[in-house]
Amino acid sequence: MRAIGYARCSTNEQADSGLGLEAQAERIRAYCTMRNLSLADLVVDAGVSGGKPLASRDGGQRLLSALKGREAESVVMLKLDRMFRNAGDCLSTVEKWERAGVALHVVDLGGNAIDTTSAAGRFMLVVLAGAAEMERNLTRERTRSAMAVKRANGQRIGTVPYGFDLADDGASLVPNDAEQAVIAYIGTMRSRGMKLEKIAAAITARG
């Protein structure tokens, strides 16, 4: 049976050895060998957010085009979140693939490998996809609650903007004289009609 592997990494995740593109590719190849699947292609989306729909990713388009052309009967990925945004997205896509005779294989879903060639595999996909989405939602809720507590306590949320430093109270900002001088210089040069590239070159020349 022919298979197409799919790997994705967002920019921040590429430094993570557990989810790096090569690490995903190695595990996909090993799984295909174990399951006697012929890996026809390995599609990669590098530096692409998981929130982006599959059809709008370069690699995703290539994958979907290959499946439409009946170039494979299976899709293999390391984890569900490499391809799908949420449980609904996953289940609706897999249902379409099943009608077209394409099975989904997930190498690591809750620590186990599953595939949709069996009723048990399809059931586990539904359960674990829902559990994964619930965990993501709980994480978001915990983050929102933590931010709300910080705001209520007067703590600053977010990064300190250029031109300022964080005050000793950890909440308010105080001007940074050196950076404020640079901002003033930029404003002066801009008001004289100087282009941004030239302003940047002048600032660099001044160190």
Foldseek 3Di string as FASTA:
>chain_A
DEEEEEAEDAPVCCVPCCRHRVNFVVLQVVVCVVVVYHHPYYFYQYNDDLQDALCPTPSSVVVVVCVVVVVGQEYETAEPSRHHDALVRVVVVQVVSVVSNHKYWHPQQPHHIAMDPDPVRNVVSNVSRNVVRVVVVVVVVVVVVVVVVCVVVQADDDDDDFQWDQDPVNHDIDGDVVRVVLVVQVVVCVVVVDDPVVSVVVVVVVD
